[in-house]
Structures are given as C-alpha cells and as structure tokens.
Amino acid sequence: MQAFDLKAVDYVLKPVRGERLAEAVRRVAELVGDRAAAVQEPDQIPVELGGVTRFLPIDDIVYAEAQGDYARLHTARGSHLVRIPLSTLEDRWRSRGFVRIHRSHLVALDRIDELRLDAGSMSVRVGDAELPVSRRHARTVRDRLLRRTSR
C-alpha cells in the first residue's frame, strides 16, 4: 500500500522472475516516453513588449545573453528581454543546437561564423557580434564546431 502512496508505477516481488521484471521496465519506459512527449519544448518563445505578447521562433534566435534573472534574446532583427534564467534556456535548448560558451552567453551553434584564437583567449563571431568563450567552455565549443563541420 505504501508503494501507491509514493506513486509507484509497478512493483516486483522476490524471487524476481525475468518476464515480470521486463513487464515492470516496459511500464516505466512507457510512462517516461509519454511524459517526454508531453514536455516537448515548443518552437516559439513568448516575448512581451509594451503589453503585447509576440511569439518569437526559437530558430530566429542567434544567441542569448544573461542579464541577472533575465535573458536577452538576440535575433537578426533586434533583441528581446525575457524573464527566464540563461541556465533554464540552456537546458531547454540543448537539443536544438544551442551551446553555452560563457557564463553570460548561449549561442546557436549553426549561427557561429568564426572561431577566433588570440593570445590564449577564444571568441566566436555570430553576425556582427564577437562573444568571448570562457576557458571552461572552450574545449566543448571547439569540439562541437568541429563535429558539426565534419558531417
């Protein structure tokens, strides 16, 4: 009874039989699959400006910049401030090809035009902006860019 209070999906009694364990695993996988489909990130993000909410396509975002508890989303046509921490956007958009390059910047990998190395520091150019790459993120950025070009 306690298992149901904990919202258990299934339970297995000893001695464990292979087919019973397989059934329990199937039920968990089915539940996780349903939840993953329900939590799928939308293709747009709502942004407010002067009392009007617009829906900005995520594919239009070139990079995001941390500004306290907010993030400034930069597109080719301008920027928009949203009240979402950069770490949340990083988690949501990782599968969309966004990569953290600095504690203050999250960049769409396919929008990076150049990777620059100068006197031990690294930066990337996205459109007209040149953004620093922290030493902490340098290897990941370089590896992801090289993987992208080798496809």
N, C-alpha and C. Protein backbone atom coordinates (compact mmCIF):
# COMPACT_ATOMS: atom_id res chain seq x y z
N MET A 1 0.82 -1.20 0.00
CA MET A 1 0.00 0.00 0.00
C MET A 1 0.86 1.26 0.00
N GLN A 2 2.00 1.21 0.70
CA GLN A 2 2.88 2.38 0.75
C GLN A 2 3.41 2.74 -0.64
N ALA A 3 3.59 1.75 -1.49
CA ALA A 3 4.08 2.00 -2.84
C ALA A 3 3.13 2.91 -3.61
N PHE A 4 1.84 2.73 -3.42
CA PHE A 4 0.88 3.57 -4.12
C PHE A 4 0.86 4.98 -3.57
N ASP A 5 1.14 5.13 -2.26
CA ASP A 5 1.27 6.48 -1.69
C ASP A 5 2.44 7.22 -2.31
N LEU A 6 3.47 6.49 -2.73
CA LEU A 6 4.65 7.08 -3.37
C LEU A 6 4.50 7.19 -4.88
N LYS A 7 3.32 6.86 -5.37
CA LYS A 7 3.00 6.91 -6.80
C LYS A 7 3.87 5.95 -7.62
N ALA A 8 4.07 4.77 -7.11
CA ALA A 8 4.84 3.74 -7.79
C ALA A 8 4.13 3.33 -9.08
N VAL A 9 4.88 3.07 -10.11
CA VAL A 9 4.33 2.64 -11.38
C VAL A 9 4.05 1.14 -11.34
N ASP A 10 4.92 0.40 -10.66
CA ASP A 10 4.80 -1.05 -10.58
C ASP A 10 5.64 -1.52 -9.40
N TYR A 11 5.59 -2.80 -9.11
CA TYR A 11 6.43 -3.38 -8.08
C TYR A 11 6.76 -4.80 -8.47
N VAL A 12 7.88 -5.29 -7.96
CA VAL A 12 8.34 -6.64 -8.26
C VAL A 12 8.63 -7.33 -6.93
N LEU A 13 8.12 -8.55 -6.78
CA LEU A 13 8.35 -9.32 -5.55
C LEU A 13 9.46 -10.34 -5.76
N LYS A 14 10.15 -10.65 -4.66
CA LYS A 14 11.17 -11.71 -4.70
C LYS A 14 10.47 -13.05 -4.61
N PRO A 15 10.95 -14.06 -5.20
CA PRO A 15 12.07 -14.09 -6.14
C PRO A 15 11.66 -13.45 -7.47
N VAL A 16 12.58 -12.67 -8.02
CA VAL A 16 12.30 -11.91 -9.24
C VAL A 16 12.33 -12.85 -10.45
N ARG A 17 11.24 -12.81 -11.22
CA ARG A 17 11.17 -13.56 -12.48
C ARG A 17 11.48 -12.61 -13.62
N GLY A 18 12.22 -13.07 -14.59
CA GLY A 18 12.66 -12.25 -15.71
C GLY A 18 11.52 -11.58 -16.46
N GLU A 19 10.46 -12.36 -16.76
CA GLU A 19 9.35 -11.78 -17.52
C GLU A 19 8.59 -10.73 -16.70
N ARG A 20 8.52 -10.90 -15.38
CA ARG A 20 7.84 -9.92 -14.54
C ARG A 20 8.65 -8.63 -14.45
N LEU A 21 9.97 -8.76 -14.35
CA LEU A 21 10.85 -7.60 -14.32
C LEU A 21 10.77 -6.86 -15.66
N ALA A 22 10.75 -7.59 -16.77
CA ALA A 22 10.63 -6.97 -18.09
C ALA A 22 9.33 -6.18 -18.22
N GLU A 23 8.25 -6.72 -17.68
CA GLU A 23 6.96 -6.02 -17.72
C GLU A 23 7.02 -4.73 -16.91
N ALA A 24 7.65 -4.76 -15.73
CA ALA A 24 7.78 -3.55 -14.90
C ALA A 24 8.61 -2.49 -15.62
N VAL A 25 9.69 -2.90 -16.26
CA VAL A 25 10.54 -1.96 -17.00
C VAL A 25 9.77 -1.38 -18.18
N ARG A 26 8.98 -2.21 -18.87
CA ARG A 26 8.18 -1.72 -20.00
C ARG A 26 7.19 -0.65 -19.55
N ARG A 27 6.56 -0.86 -18.41
CA ARG A 27 5.60 0.12 -17.89
C ARG A 27 6.27 1.45 -17.57
N VAL A 28 7.44 1.38 -16.95
CA VAL A 28 8.18 2.62 -16.63
C VAL A 28 8.59 3.32 -17.91
N ALA A 29 9.11 2.57 -18.87
CA ALA A 29 9.54 3.18 -20.13
C ALA A 29 8.38 3.83 -20.86
N GLU A 30 7.22 3.19 -20.83
CA GLU A 30 6.03 3.75 -21.46
C GLU A 30 5.63 5.06 -20.80
N LEU A 31 5.65 5.08 -19.48
CA LEU A 31 5.30 6.29 -18.73
C LEU A 31 6.30 7.42 -19.00
N VAL A 32 7.58 7.10 -19.01
CA VAL A 32 8.61 8.11 -19.27
C VAL A 32 8.48 8.64 -20.69
N GLY A 33 8.21 7.75 -21.63
CA GLY A 33 8.02 8.17 -23.02
C GLY A 33 6.84 9.11 -23.18
N ASP A 34 5.73 8.83 -22.51
CA ASP A 34 4.55 9.69 -22.56
C ASP A 34 4.86 11.06 -21.97
N ARG A 35 5.57 11.09 -20.86
CA ARG A 35 5.91 12.37 -20.23
C ARG A 35 6.86 13.17 -21.10
N ALA A 36 7.83 12.50 -21.72
CA ALA A 36 8.79 13.21 -22.58
C ALA A 36 8.07 13.84 -23.76
N ALA A 37 7.10 13.14 -24.31
CA ALA A 37 6.35 13.70 -25.44
C ALA A 37 5.50 14.89 -24.99
N ALA A 38 4.97 14.82 -23.78
CA ALA A 38 4.13 15.91 -23.26
C ALA A 38 4.94 17.14 -22.91
N VAL A 39 6.23 16.97 -22.59
CA VAL A 39 7.05 18.08 -22.13
C VAL A 39 7.89 18.66 -23.27
N GLN A 40 7.68 18.21 -24.48
CA GLN A 40 8.46 18.67 -25.61
C GLN A 40 8.40 20.19 -25.72
N GLU A 41 9.57 20.78 -25.90
CA GLU A 41 9.71 22.24 -25.97
C GLU A 41 9.03 22.78 -27.23
N PRO A 42 8.23 23.84 -27.10
CA PRO A 42 7.58 24.43 -28.27
C PRO A 42 8.60 25.11 -29.20
N ASP A 43 8.17 25.39 -30.42
CA ASP A 43 9.05 26.00 -31.41
C ASP A 43 9.15 27.51 -31.26
N GLN A 44 8.39 28.10 -30.35
CA GLN A 44 8.39 29.54 -30.17
C GLN A 44 8.50 29.87 -28.69
N ILE A 45 8.95 31.10 -28.42
CA ILE A 45 9.04 31.57 -27.05
C ILE A 45 8.28 32.90 -26.97
N PRO A 46 7.41 33.05 -25.97
CA PRO A 46 6.68 34.32 -25.85
C PRO A 46 7.57 35.42 -25.32
N VAL A 47 7.50 36.59 -25.96
CA VAL A 47 8.24 37.78 -25.51
C VAL A 47 7.24 38.93 -25.44
N GLU A 48 7.38 39.75 -24.40
CA GLU A 48 6.47 40.88 -24.21
C GLU A 48 7.17 42.18 -24.52
N LEU A 49 6.42 43.07 -25.14
CA LEU A 49 6.93 44.41 -25.43
C LEU A 49 5.75 45.36 -25.42
N GLY A 50 5.73 46.24 -24.43
CA GLY A 50 4.66 47.24 -24.34
C GLY A 50 3.28 46.66 -24.21
N GLY A 51 3.14 45.59 -23.43
CA GLY A 51 1.83 45.00 -23.22
C GLY A 51 1.38 44.05 -24.32
N VAL A 52 2.21 43.86 -25.33
CA VAL A 52 1.88 42.96 -26.44
C VAL A 52 2.80 41.74 -26.34
N THR A 53 2.21 40.57 -26.40
CA THR A 53 2.99 39.34 -26.38
C THR A 53 3.15 38.83 -27.81
N ARG A 54 4.41 38.72 -28.22
CA ARG A 54 4.73 38.16 -29.54
C ARG A 54 5.33 36.77 -29.34
N PHE A 55 5.22 35.94 -30.34
CA PHE A 55 5.77 34.60 -30.26
C PHE A 55 6.95 34.51 -31.22
N LEU A 56 8.14 34.50 -30.64
CA LEU A 56 9.39 34.53 -31.39
C LEU A 56 9.83 33.09 -31.70
N PRO A 57 10.01 32.77 -32.98
CA PRO A 57 10.50 31.42 -33.32
C PRO A 57 11.91 31.21 -32.74
N ILE A 58 12.12 30.10 -32.09
CA ILE A 58 13.42 29.81 -31.49
C ILE A 58 14.50 29.73 -32.56
N ASP A 59 14.15 29.28 -33.76
CA ASP A 59 15.12 29.21 -34.85
C ASP A 59 15.65 30.58 -35.27
N ASP A 60 14.93 31.66 -34.92
CA ASP A 60 15.39 33.02 -35.26
C ASP A 60 16.42 33.54 -34.27
N ILE A 61 16.58 32.88 -33.12
CA ILE A 61 17.48 33.37 -32.08
C ILE A 61 18.91 32.99 -32.42
N VAL A 62 19.77 34.01 -32.44
CA VAL A 62 21.19 33.82 -32.75
C VAL A 62 21.95 33.48 -31.48
N TYR A 63 21.72 34.27 -30.43
CA TYR A 63 22.33 33.98 -29.14
C TYR A 63 21.51 34.62 -28.03
N ALA A 64 21.74 34.14 -26.82
CA ALA A 64 21.08 34.67 -25.63
C ALA A 64 22.16 35.14 -24.67
N GLU A 65 21.86 36.24 -24.01
CA GLU A 65 22.81 36.87 -23.10
C GLU A 65 22.18 37.02 -21.72
N ALA A 66 22.89 36.58 -20.68
CA ALA A 66 22.37 36.69 -19.31
C ALA A 66 22.36 38.14 -18.86
N GLN A 67 21.26 38.53 -18.22
CA GLN A 67 21.14 39.84 -17.61
C GLN A 67 20.41 39.65 -16.29
N GLY A 68 21.15 39.23 -15.27
CA GLY A 68 20.56 38.93 -13.96
C GLY A 68 19.64 37.73 -14.07
N ASP A 69 18.41 37.86 -13.59
CA ASP A 69 17.43 36.78 -13.68
C ASP A 69 16.76 36.72 -15.05
N TYR A 70 17.15 37.60 -15.93
CA TYR A 70 16.58 37.70 -17.27
C TYR A 70 17.57 37.20 -18.30
N ALA A 71 17.09 37.03 -19.52
CA ALA A 71 17.95 36.72 -20.66
C ALA A 71 17.53 37.63 -21.80
N ARG A 72 18.51 38.17 -22.49
CA ARG A 72 18.25 38.98 -23.68
C ARG A 72 18.47 38.08 -24.88
N LEU A 73 17.42 37.90 -25.67
CA LEU A 73 17.46 37.04 -26.86
C LEU A 73 17.78 37.91 -28.07
N HIS A 74 18.87 37.60 -28.75
CA HIS A 74 19.30 38.38 -29.90
C HIS A 74 18.93 37.65 -31.19
N THR A 75 18.28 38.39 -32.08
CA THR A 75 17.94 37.87 -33.41
C THR A 75 18.60 38.77 -34.44
N ALA A 76 18.43 38.45 -35.69
CA ALA A 76 19.00 39.29 -36.76
C ALA A 76 18.30 40.65 -36.81
N ARG A 77 17.06 40.73 -36.29
CA ARG A 77 16.29 41.98 -36.37
C ARG A 77 16.23 42.78 -35.07
N GLY A 78 16.81 42.27 -33.99
CA GLY A 78 16.76 43.01 -32.74
C GLY A 78 16.93 42.08 -31.55
N SER A 79 16.54 42.59 -30.37
CA SER A 79 16.67 41.76 -29.18
C SER A 79 15.42 41.90 -28.32
N HIS A 80 15.22 40.90 -27.47
CA HIS A 80 14.04 40.84 -26.61
C HIS A 80 14.47 40.34 -25.24
N LEU A 81 13.92 40.96 -24.20
CA LEU A 81 14.22 40.58 -22.84
C LEU A 81 13.13 39.65 -22.32
N VAL A 82 13.53 38.50 -21.78
CA VAL A 82 12.58 37.55 -21.20
C VAL A 82 13.00 37.22 -19.77
N ARG A 83 12.04 36.96 -18.93
CA ARG A 83 12.34 36.65 -17.54
C ARG A 83 12.54 35.15 -17.36
N ILE A 84 13.60 34.67 -17.96
CA ILE A 84 13.98 33.25 -17.87
C ILE A 84 15.50 33.23 -17.68
N PRO A 85 15.99 32.52 -16.68
CA PRO A 85 17.44 32.44 -16.50
C PRO A 85 18.12 31.72 -17.66
N LEU A 86 19.34 32.10 -17.95
CA LEU A 86 20.09 31.50 -19.05
C LEU A 86 20.27 30.00 -18.85
N SER A 87 20.43 29.56 -17.60
CA SER A 87 20.60 28.13 -17.33
C SER A 87 19.35 27.33 -17.74
N THR A 88 18.18 27.91 -17.57
CA THR A 88 16.94 27.24 -17.98
C THR A 88 16.88 27.13 -19.50
N LEU A 89 17.24 28.21 -20.19
CA LEU A 89 17.26 28.16 -21.66
C LEU A 89 18.28 27.14 -22.14
N GLU A 90 19.43 27.08 -21.47
CA GLU A 90 20.45 26.11 -21.86
C GLU A 90 19.90 24.69 -21.78
N ASP A 91 19.21 24.36 -20.70
CA ASP A 91 18.63 23.02 -20.55
C ASP A 91 17.56 22.75 -21.61
N ARG A 92 16.71 23.73 -21.87
CA ARG A 92 15.60 23.55 -22.82
C ARG A 92 16.08 23.47 -24.27
N TRP A 93 17.12 24.24 -24.60
CA TRP A 93 17.51 24.37 -26.00
C TRP A 93 18.76 23.57 -26.38
N ARG A 94 19.30 22.80 -25.47
CA ARG A 94 20.49 21.99 -25.78
C ARG A 94 20.23 21.10 -26.99
N SER A 95 19.08 20.47 -27.04
CA SER A 95 18.75 19.57 -28.15
C SER A 95 18.52 20.32 -29.46
N ARG A 96 18.35 21.62 -29.39
CA ARG A 96 18.14 22.45 -30.58
C ARG A 96 19.45 23.01 -31.13
N GLY A 97 20.57 22.60 -30.54
CA GLY A 97 21.87 23.03 -31.06
C GLY A 97 22.44 24.26 -30.39
N PHE A 98 21.90 24.67 -29.25
CA PHE A 98 22.47 25.80 -28.53
C PHE A 98 23.56 25.28 -27.60
N VAL A 99 24.63 26.05 -27.49
CA VAL A 99 25.76 25.65 -26.66
C VAL A 99 26.17 26.82 -25.77
N ARG A 100 26.49 26.52 -24.53
CA ARG A 100 26.96 27.54 -23.58
C ARG A 100 28.41 27.81 -23.91
N ILE A 101 28.75 29.08 -24.16
CA ILE A 101 30.13 29.44 -24.47
C ILE A 101 30.78 30.24 -23.34
N HIS A 102 29.96 30.74 -22.45
CA HIS A 102 30.41 31.62 -21.37
C HIS A 102 29.30 31.65 -20.35
N ARG A 103 29.61 32.02 -19.13
CA ARG A 103 28.53 32.08 -18.12
C ARG A 103 27.44 33.07 -18.53
N SER A 104 27.77 34.00 -19.42
CA SER A 104 26.81 35.02 -19.84
C SER A 104 26.24 34.81 -21.24
N HIS A 105 26.67 33.77 -21.96
CA HIS A 105 26.23 33.63 -23.35
C HIS A 105 25.90 32.18 -23.72
N LEU A 106 24.80 32.05 -24.43
CA LEU A 106 24.34 30.80 -25.01
C LEU A 106 24.15 31.07 -26.50
N VAL A 107 24.77 30.26 -27.35
CA VAL A 107 24.79 30.54 -28.79
C VAL A 107 24.23 29.37 -29.59
N ALA A 108 23.49 29.70 -30.65
CA ALA A 108 23.04 28.68 -31.60
C ALA A 108 24.27 28.25 -32.39
N LEU A 109 24.66 27.01 -32.26
CA LEU A 109 25.89 26.51 -32.85
C LEU A 109 25.96 26.75 -34.35
N ASP A 110 24.85 26.58 -35.05
CA ASP A 110 24.87 26.75 -36.51
C ASP A 110 24.91 28.22 -36.93
N ARG A 111 24.85 29.15 -35.99
CA ARG A 111 24.95 30.58 -36.31
C ARG A 111 26.36 31.12 -36.10
N ILE A 112 27.27 30.30 -35.61
CA ILE A 112 28.65 30.75 -35.39
C ILE A 112 29.35 30.83 -36.74
N ASP A 113 29.85 32.04 -37.05
CA ASP A 113 30.54 32.26 -38.32
C ASP A 113 32.04 32.02 -38.22
N GLU A 114 32.62 32.34 -37.05
CA GLU A 114 34.07 32.24 -36.88
C GLU A 114 34.40 31.85 -35.45
N LEU A 115 35.50 31.13 -35.34
CA LEU A 115 36.09 30.83 -34.04
C LEU A 115 37.46 31.47 -34.06
N ARG A 116 37.73 32.35 -33.11
CA ARG A 116 39.00 33.09 -33.09
C ARG A 116 39.82 32.74 -31.87
N LEU A 117 41.12 32.53 -32.10
CA LEU A 117 42.08 32.33 -31.02
C LEU A 117 43.06 33.49 -31.08
N ASP A 118 43.19 34.20 -29.96
CA ASP A 118 44.08 35.35 -29.93
C ASP A 118 44.74 35.45 -28.56
N ALA A 119 46.05 35.25 -28.52
CA ALA A 119 46.83 35.36 -27.29
C ALA A 119 46.24 34.53 -26.16
N GLY A 120 45.86 33.30 -26.46
CA GLY A 120 45.35 32.40 -25.43
C GLY A 120 43.88 32.54 -25.11
N SER A 121 43.21 33.52 -25.67
CA SER A 121 41.77 33.66 -25.43
C SER A 121 41.01 33.28 -26.69
N MET A 122 39.80 32.83 -26.48
CA MET A 122 38.97 32.37 -27.60
C MET A 122 37.71 33.21 -27.65
N SER A 123 37.23 33.44 -28.87
CA SER A 123 35.96 34.13 -29.06
C SER A 123 35.30 33.57 -30.31
N VAL A 124 34.01 33.84 -30.43
CA VAL A 124 33.27 33.44 -31.63
C VAL A 124 32.61 34.68 -32.20
N ARG A 125 32.43 34.65 -33.51
CA ARG A 125 31.70 35.73 -34.17
C ARG A 125 30.39 35.16 -34.65
N VAL A 126 29.30 35.82 -34.25
CA VAL A 126 27.96 35.46 -34.70
C VAL A 126 27.35 36.74 -35.27
N GLY A 127 27.21 36.77 -36.56
CA GLY A 127 26.74 38.01 -37.20
C GLY A 127 27.74 39.11 -36.95
N ASP A 128 27.27 40.25 -36.43
CA ASP A 128 28.15 41.38 -36.14
C ASP A 128 28.75 41.33 -34.74
N ALA A 129 28.32 40.39 -33.93
CA ALA A 129 28.77 40.33 -32.54
C ALA A 129 29.95 39.38 -32.37
N GLU A 130 30.92 39.82 -31.57
CA GLU A 130 32.02 38.95 -31.19
C GLU A 130 31.85 38.66 -29.70
N LEU A 131 31.73 37.37 -29.37
CA LEU A 131 31.44 36.96 -28.00
C LEU A 131 32.59 36.15 -27.43
N PRO A 132 32.94 36.40 -26.17
CA PRO A 132 34.04 35.65 -25.55
C PRO A 132 33.63 34.22 -25.25
N VAL A 133 34.59 33.32 -25.34
CA VAL A 133 34.40 31.92 -24.94
C VAL A 133 35.27 31.72 -23.71
N SER A 134 34.67 31.29 -22.62
CA SER A 134 35.44 31.09 -21.40
C SER A 134 36.33 29.86 -21.53
N ARG A 135 37.40 29.82 -20.76
CA ARG A 135 38.30 28.66 -20.79
C ARG A 135 37.54 27.40 -20.42
N ARG A 136 36.59 27.53 -19.50
CA ARG A 136 35.79 26.39 -19.06
C ARG A 136 35.01 25.75 -20.20
N HIS A 137 34.52 26.56 -21.13
CA HIS A 137 33.68 26.05 -22.22
C HIS A 137 34.42 25.91 -23.55
N ALA A 138 35.69 26.31 -23.60
CA ALA A 138 36.44 26.34 -24.86
C ALA A 138 36.51 24.98 -25.55
N ARG A 139 36.86 23.95 -24.82
CA ARG A 139 37.02 22.61 -25.43
C ARG A 139 35.68 22.12 -26.00
N THR A 140 34.61 22.28 -25.25
CA THR A 140 33.30 21.83 -25.71
C THR A 140 32.88 22.57 -26.97
N VAL A 141 33.07 23.89 -27.00
CA VAL A 141 32.69 24.69 -28.16
C VAL A 141 33.49 24.25 -29.38
N ARG A 142 34.81 24.13 -29.21
CA ARG A 142 35.67 23.73 -30.32
C ARG A 142 35.29 22.35 -30.83
N ASP A 143 35.09 21.40 -29.92
CA ASP A 143 34.72 20.03 -30.32
C ASP A 143 33.38 19.99 -31.04
N ARG A 144 32.39 20.71 -30.53
CA ARG A 144 31.07 20.71 -31.17
C ARG A 144 31.12 21.35 -32.55
N LEU A 145 31.93 22.42 -32.70
CA LEU A 145 32.06 23.06 -34.01
C LEU A 145 32.75 22.12 -35.00
N LEU A 146 33.77 21.43 -34.55
CA LEU A 146 34.49 20.51 -35.44
C LEU A 146 33.59 19.33 -35.83
N ARG A 147 32.78 18.82 -34.89
CA ARG A 147 31.85 17.75 -35.21
C ARG A 147 30.81 18.20 -36.22
N ARG A 148 30.37 19.44 -36.07
CA ARG A 148 29.35 19.98 -36.97
C ARG A 148 29.88 20.07 -38.39
N THR A 149 31.12 20.48 -38.55
CA THR A 149 31.70 20.66 -39.89
C THR A 149 32.12 19.34 -40.52
N SER A 150 32.35 18.29 -39.71
CA SER A 150 32.80 17.02 -40.26
C SER A 150 31.66 16.12 -40.73
N ARG A 151 30.42 16.58 -40.58
CA ARG A 151 29.26 15.78 -41.01
C ARG A 151 29.08 15.81 -42.49
